[in-house]
Amino acid sequence: MITRKLGPALAAGCTDVIKTAEDTPFTANAILLLGERAGIPKGVINSITALDNIAEIGKFLWASDVVKEILGPLASIFIFEDEDEVINIFNKVEVGQASYVFTQDVNRVARIAEQLHFGMVAVNTGVI
């Protein structure tokens, strides 16, 4: 399935972001390694796994010391109403260089971005 979508994009000279589902076999992500072996430069094919609806699992992971590092490109999607709560949750994370904020409220994004302890904060985009 991935190769059906990836092939035409690469043939057209485009970069591609593979947004795999949670249950996609890891072998599907091997396309990144195969691309490198074929001489495709890093960054032309990008893979990210987005997890949503993980409220209960997320609460456990963020509250415990079980997770010291998230391996691989992974995006946790949190929908929130309370700015202070989400800022406290994410500022407890000891790893990660970037954060992403999506909102239509310019004032809200300015408040949140200023308080997040990350090297980079992207606003309304998935790419930094």
C-alpha atoms as a PDB file:
ATOM      1  CA  MET A   1       0.000   0.000   0.000  1.00  0.00           C
ATOM      2  CA  ILE A   2       2.770   2.451   0.905  1.00  0.00           C
ATOM      3  CA  THR A   3       4.725   1.751  -2.271  1.00  0.00           C
ATOM      4  CA  ARG A   4       1.625   2.471  -4.392  1.00  0.00           C
ATOM      5  CA  LYS A   5       1.503   5.962  -2.927  1.00  0.00           C
ATOM      6  CA  LEU A   6       5.227   6.536  -2.534  1.00  0.00           C
ATOM      7  CA  GLY A   7       6.332   5.575  -6.052  1.00  0.00           C
ATOM      8  CA  PRO A   8       4.413   8.251  -7.970  1.00  0.00           C
ATOM      9  CA  ALA A   9       5.384  10.957  -5.458  1.00  0.00           C
ATOM     10  CA  LEU A  10       9.091  10.161  -5.789  1.00  0.00           C
ATOM     11  CA  ALA A  11       8.815   9.875  -9.582  1.00  0.00           C
ATOM     12  CA  ALA A  12       7.349  13.390  -9.636  1.00  0.00           C
ATOM     13  CA  GLY A  13      10.280  14.696  -7.574  1.00  0.00           C
ATOM     14  CA  CYS A  14       8.282  15.218  -4.389  1.00  0.00           C
ATOM     15  CA  THR A  15       9.218  14.469  -0.824  1.00  0.00           C
ATOM     16  CA  ASP A  16       6.783  12.202   0.957  1.00  0.00           C
ATOM     17  CA  VAL A  17       5.525  11.858   4.509  1.00  0.00           C
ATOM     18  CA  ILE A  18       4.269   8.394   5.357  1.00  0.00           C
ATOM     19  CA  LYS A  19       1.605   8.676   8.043  1.00  0.00           C
ATOM     20  CA  THR A  20       1.248   5.102   9.179  1.00  0.00           C
ATOM     21  CA  ALA A  21      -1.566   3.876  11.365  1.00  0.00           C
ATOM     22  CA  GLU A  22      -0.871   2.470  14.813  1.00  0.00           C
ATOM     23  CA  ASP A  23      -1.397  -1.078  13.591  1.00  0.00           C
ATOM     24  CA  THR A  24       0.668  -0.792  10.399  1.00  0.00           C
ATOM     25  CA  PRO A  25       3.276  -3.551  10.297  1.00  0.00           C
ATOM     26  CA  PHE A  26       6.787  -2.379  11.080  1.00  0.00           C
ATOM     27  CA  THR A  27       7.872  -3.888   7.773  1.00  0.00           C
ATOM     28  CA  ALA A  28       5.970  -1.098   6.020  1.00  0.00           C
ATOM     29  CA  ASN A  29       8.312   1.396   7.651  1.00  0.00           C
ATOM     30  CA  ALA A  30      11.291  -0.537   6.287  1.00  0.00           C
ATOM     31  CA  ILE A  31      10.713   1.435   3.099  1.00  0.00           C
ATOM     32  CA  LEU A  32      12.776   4.202   4.716  1.00  0.00           C
ATOM     33  CA  LEU A  33      15.798   1.927   5.005  1.00  0.00           C
ATOM     34  CA  LEU A  34      15.301   0.593   1.507  1.00  0.00           C
ATOM     35  CA  GLY A  35      15.107   4.141   0.199  1.00  0.00           C
ATOM     36  CA  GLU A  36      18.417   5.033   1.824  1.00  0.00           C
ATOM     37  CA  ARG A  37      20.050   1.916   0.379  1.00  0.00           C
ATOM     38  CA  ALA A  38      18.721   2.897  -3.043  1.00  0.00           C
ATOM     39  CA  GLY A  39      20.419   6.289  -2.734  1.00  0.00           C
ATOM     40  CA  ILE A  40      17.372   8.386  -1.870  1.00  0.00           C
ATOM     41  CA  PRO A  41      18.660  11.185   0.401  1.00  0.00           C
ATOM     42  CA  LYS A  42      17.495  11.330   4.003  1.00  0.00           C
ATOM     43  CA  GLY A  43      14.500  13.591   4.416  1.00  0.00           C
ATOM     44  CA  VAL A  44      12.936  12.742   1.062  1.00  0.00           C
ATOM     45  CA  ILE A  45      10.884   9.941   2.635  1.00  0.00           C
ATOM     46  CA  ASN A  46       9.639  10.684   6.138  1.00  0.00           C
ATOM     47  CA  SER A  47       7.545   8.476   8.380  1.00  0.00           C
ATOM     48  CA  ILE A  48       5.500   9.527  11.368  1.00  0.00           C
ATOM     49  CA  THR A  49       3.094   7.548  13.486  1.00  0.00           C
ATOM     50  CA  ALA A  50       0.301   9.564  15.055  1.00  0.00           C
ATOM     51  CA  LEU A  51      -1.531   8.206  18.052  1.00  0.00           C
ATOM     52  CA  ASP A  52      -4.873   9.607  19.007  1.00  0.00           C
ATOM     53  CA  ASN A  53      -7.517   8.669  21.541  1.00  0.00           C
ATOM     54  CA  ILE A  54      -4.824   7.680  24.006  1.00  0.00           C
ATOM     55  CA  ALA A  55      -6.100   9.592  26.998  1.00  0.00           C
ATOM     56  CA  GLU A  56      -5.864   6.760  29.530  1.00  0.00           C
ATOM     57  CA  ILE A  57      -2.620   5.306  28.188  1.00  0.00           C
ATOM     58  CA  GLY A  58      -1.158   8.789  27.894  1.00  0.00           C
ATOM     59  CA  LYS A  59      -2.037   9.685  31.468  1.00  0.00           C
ATOM     60  CA  PHE A  60      -0.211   6.565  32.662  1.00  0.00           C
ATOM     61  CA  LEU A  61       2.855   7.166  30.509  1.00  0.00           C
ATOM     62  CA  TRP A  62       3.210  10.859  31.323  1.00  0.00           C
ATOM     63  CA  ALA A  63       2.690  10.225  35.034  1.00  0.00           C
ATOM     64  CA  SER A  64       5.203   7.388  35.347  1.00  0.00           C
ATOM     65  CA  ASP A  65       8.910   6.934  34.873  1.00  0.00           C
ATOM     66  CA  VAL A  66       8.302   3.995  32.535  1.00  0.00           C
ATOM     67  CA  VAL A  67       8.954   6.070  29.431  1.00  0.00           C
ATOM     68  CA  LYS A  68      12.402   7.618  29.390  1.00  0.00           C
ATOM     69  CA  GLU A  69      12.608   7.995  25.637  1.00  0.00           C
ATOM     70  CA  ILE A  70      10.241   7.628  22.724  1.00  0.00           C
ATOM     71  CA  LEU A  71      12.001   5.849  19.884  1.00  0.00           C
ATOM     72  CA  GLY A  72      11.199   6.785  16.337  1.00  0.00           C
ATOM     73  CA  PRO A  73       9.122   9.572  14.907  1.00  0.00           C
ATOM     74  CA  LEU A  74       5.966   9.602  16.988  1.00  0.00           C
ATOM     75  CA  ALA A  75       3.315  12.240  17.467  1.00  0.00           C
ATOM     76  CA  SER A  76       1.010  12.159  20.462  1.00  0.00           C
ATOM     77  CA  ILE A  77      -2.140  14.099  19.758  1.00  0.00           C
ATOM     78  CA  PHE A  78      -3.769  15.774  22.756  1.00  0.00           C
ATOM     79  CA  ILE A  79      -6.954  17.797  22.531  1.00  0.00           C
ATOM     80  CA  PHE A  80      -7.254  20.050  25.560  1.00  0.00           C
ATOM     81  CA  GLU A  81      -9.175  22.945  27.021  1.00  0.00           C
ATOM     82  CA  ASP A  82      -6.975  23.800  30.019  1.00  0.00           C
ATOM     83  CA  GLU A  83      -3.735  25.436  28.835  1.00  0.00           C
ATOM     84  CA  ASP A  84      -1.961  25.145  32.179  1.00  0.00           C
ATOM     85  CA  GLU A  85      -2.621  21.405  32.366  1.00  0.00           C
ATOM     86  CA  VAL A  86      -1.220  20.666  28.917  1.00  0.00           C
ATOM     87  CA  ILE A  87       1.821  22.895  29.472  1.00  0.00           C
ATOM     88  CA  ASN A  88       2.601  21.093  32.739  1.00  0.00           C
ATOM     89  CA  ILE A  89       2.198  17.681  31.080  1.00  0.00           C
ATOM     90  CA  PHE A  90       4.550  18.429  28.212  1.00  0.00           C
ATOM     91  CA  ASN A  91       7.147  20.321  30.215  1.00  0.00           C
ATOM     92  CA  LYS A  92       7.637  17.151  32.311  1.00  0.00           C
ATOM     93  CA  VAL A  93       8.914  15.302  29.242  1.00  0.00           C
ATOM     94  CA  GLU A  94      12.691  14.906  29.407  1.00  0.00           C
ATOM     95  CA  VAL A  95      13.202  14.173  25.711  1.00  0.00           C
ATOM     96  CA  GLY A  96      12.152  15.794  22.468  1.00  0.00           C
ATOM     97  CA  GLN A  97      13.350  18.884  20.704  1.00  0.00           C
ATOM     98  CA  ALA A  98      10.151  20.125  19.100  1.00  0.00           C
ATOM     99  CA  SER A  99       6.503  20.644  19.902  1.00  0.00           C
ATOM    100  CA  TYR A 100       3.567  21.374  17.634  1.00  0.00           C
ATOM    101  CA  VAL A 101       0.558  23.540  18.471  1.00  0.00           C
ATOM    102  CA  PHE A 102      -2.575  23.721  16.328  1.00  0.00           C
ATOM    103  CA  THR A 103      -5.132  26.427  17.078  1.00  0.00           C
ATOM    104  CA  GLN A 104      -7.052  29.247  15.431  1.00  0.00           C
ATOM    105  CA  ASP A 105      -6.461  31.520  18.434  1.00  0.00           C
ATOM    106  CA  VAL A 106      -3.292  33.566  17.858  1.00  0.00           C
ATOM    107  CA  ASN A 107      -3.206  34.777  21.456  1.00  0.00           C
ATOM    108  CA  ARG A 108      -3.485  31.220  22.781  1.00  0.00           C
ATOM    109  CA  VAL A 109      -0.630  29.943  20.634  1.00  0.00           C
ATOM    110  CA  ALA A 110       1.592  32.819  21.765  1.00  0.00           C
ATOM    111  CA  ARG A 111       0.896  32.063  25.438  1.00  0.00           C
ATOM    112  CA  ILE A 112       1.479  28.331  24.999  1.00  0.00           C
ATOM    113  CA  ALA A 113       4.599  28.609  22.829  1.00  0.00           C
ATOM    114  CA  GLU A 114       6.204  30.990  25.302  1.00  0.00           C
ATOM    115  CA  GLN A 115       5.746  28.546  28.190  1.00  0.00           C
ATOM    116  CA  LEU A 116       6.772  25.283  26.472  1.00  0.00           C
ATOM    117  CA  HIS A 117      10.336  24.115  27.222  1.00  0.00           C
ATOM    118  CA  PHE A 118      11.228  22.845  23.754  1.00  0.00           C
ATOM    119  CA  GLY A 119      13.879  23.948  21.300  1.00  0.00           C
ATOM    120  CA  MET A 120      11.305  24.566  18.579  1.00  0.00           C
ATOM    121  CA  VAL A 121       7.561  25.168  18.576  1.00  0.00           C
ATOM    122  CA  ALA A 122       5.704  24.762  15.276  1.00  0.00           C
ATOM    123  CA  VAL A 123       2.382  26.524  14.856  1.00  0.00           C
ATOM    124  CA  ASN A 124      -0.373  25.032  12.680  1.00  0.00           C
ATOM    125  CA  THR A 125       2.071  22.885  10.708  1.00  0.00           C
ATOM    126  CA  GLY A 126       3.491  19.408  11.063  1.00  0.00           C
ATOM    127  CA  VAL A 127       6.887  20.398   9.684  1.00  0.00           C
ATOM    128  CA  ILE A 128       9.603  22.520  11.271  1.00  0.00           C
END
